[in-house]
Amino acid sequence: MRVDAAYVEEKIGIEADSKRWHATDVRFEDDREKRARAAALGWTILAVTYRQVTTRPAWVGRTVAAARDAARRAS
C-alpha cells in the first residue's frame, strides 16, 4: 500500500488529496478501497487536502501530532 507520507511505527498514513488527482469516480473508489484495506491492517489514514497542506500547514501538523500521540498512548 502506498500513501503520500507515513509514520510506520504508529501505523499512520497521510494522504494529501487534490481535485486534480482524486476527483474522478474511479480514483474516488480506489481511494476508499485503499483506506479500507489500511484500516483492516490497523492503520489510520489521515486524509487532508492539498489546499490544507499549503494554506494551513500548522493545522495539518497539529492534526498529525495528535494522531501520533493517540497511537502511542494506545500501544
Protein backbone atom coordinates (compact mmCIF):
# COMPACT_ATOMS: atom_id res chain seq x y z
CA MET A 1 0.00 0.00 0.00
CA ARG A 2 1.33 3.42 -0.94
CA VAL A 3 0.47 6.67 0.85
CA ASP A 4 1.84 10.17 0.50
CA ALA A 5 3.57 10.06 3.90
CA ALA A 6 3.68 7.60 6.77
CA TYR A 7 4.75 7.10 10.35
CA VAL A 8 5.27 3.36 10.18
CA GLU A 9 5.82 2.74 13.90
CA GLU A 10 2.49 4.37 14.74
CA LYS A 11 0.75 2.95 11.64
CA ILE A 12 -0.37 6.39 10.49
CA GLY A 13 -0.61 7.24 6.82
CA ILE A 14 -1.21 10.69 5.40
CA GLU A 15 -2.95 11.28 2.10
CA ALA A 16 -2.99 14.78 0.60
CA ASP A 17 -5.90 14.70 -1.82
CA SER A 18 -6.37 17.20 -4.61
CA LYS A 19 -9.18 17.60 -7.10
CA ARG A 20 -6.67 17.13 -9.89
CA TRP A 21 -5.75 13.57 -8.91
CA HIS A 22 -8.71 12.37 -6.86
CA ALA A 23 -11.87 13.81 -8.43
CA THR A 24 -12.81 11.08 -10.89
CA ASP A 25 -15.22 8.32 -9.90
CA VAL A 26 -12.53 5.67 -10.37
CA ARG A 27 -10.00 7.50 -8.18
CA PHE A 28 -12.63 8.19 -5.55
CA GLU A 29 -13.47 4.46 -5.40
CA ASP A 30 -9.78 3.48 -5.39
CA ASP A 31 -9.08 5.86 -2.51
CA ARG A 32 -11.93 4.40 -0.43
CA GLU A 33 -10.71 0.86 -1.12
CA LYS A 34 -7.14 1.73 -0.14
CA ARG A 35 -8.32 3.34 3.11
CA ALA A 36 -10.49 0.33 3.93
CA ARG A 37 -7.54 -2.03 3.37
CA ALA A 38 -5.36 0.18 5.57
CA ALA A 39 -7.95 0.18 8.36
CA ALA A 40 -8.22 -3.60 8.16
CA LEU A 41 -4.46 -3.75 8.77
CA GLY A 42 -4.69 -1.46 11.79
CA TRP A 43 -3.58 1.74 10.06
CA THR A 44 -5.08 5.18 10.50
CA ILE A 45 -5.18 7.24 7.33
CA LEU A 46 -5.36 10.99 7.77
CA ALA A 47 -6.93 12.50 4.68
CA VAL A 48 -6.11 16.15 4.16
CA THR A 49 -6.44 18.28 1.08
CA TYR A 50 -3.60 19.75 -0.88
CA ARG A 51 -5.07 23.15 -0.10
CA GLN A 52 -4.98 22.44 3.65
CA VAL A 53 -1.33 21.42 3.40
CA THR A 54 -0.41 24.58 1.53
CA THR A 55 -2.62 27.12 3.32
CA ARG A 56 -2.97 25.64 6.82
CA PRO A 57 0.26 23.75 7.49
CA ALA A 58 0.14 24.40 11.24
CA TRP A 59 -3.30 22.79 11.48
CA VAL A 60 -2.09 19.79 9.47
CA GLY A 61 0.95 19.49 11.74
CA ARG A 62 -1.17 19.64 14.89
CA THR A 63 -3.56 17.03 13.49
CA VAL A 64 -0.72 14.65 12.63
CA ALA A 65 0.92 15.20 16.03
CA ALA A 66 -2.36 14.48 17.83
CA ALA A 67 -2.83 11.27 15.83
CA ARG A 68 0.71 10.15 16.63
CA ASP A 69 0.21 10.90 20.34
CA ALA A 70 -3.05 8.92 20.36
CA ALA A 71 -1.39 5.98 18.61
CA ARG A 72 1.47 5.91 21.11
CA ARG A 73 -0.95 6.02 24.06
CA ALA A 74 -2.96 3.14 22.58
CA SER A 75 0.04 0.86 22.16
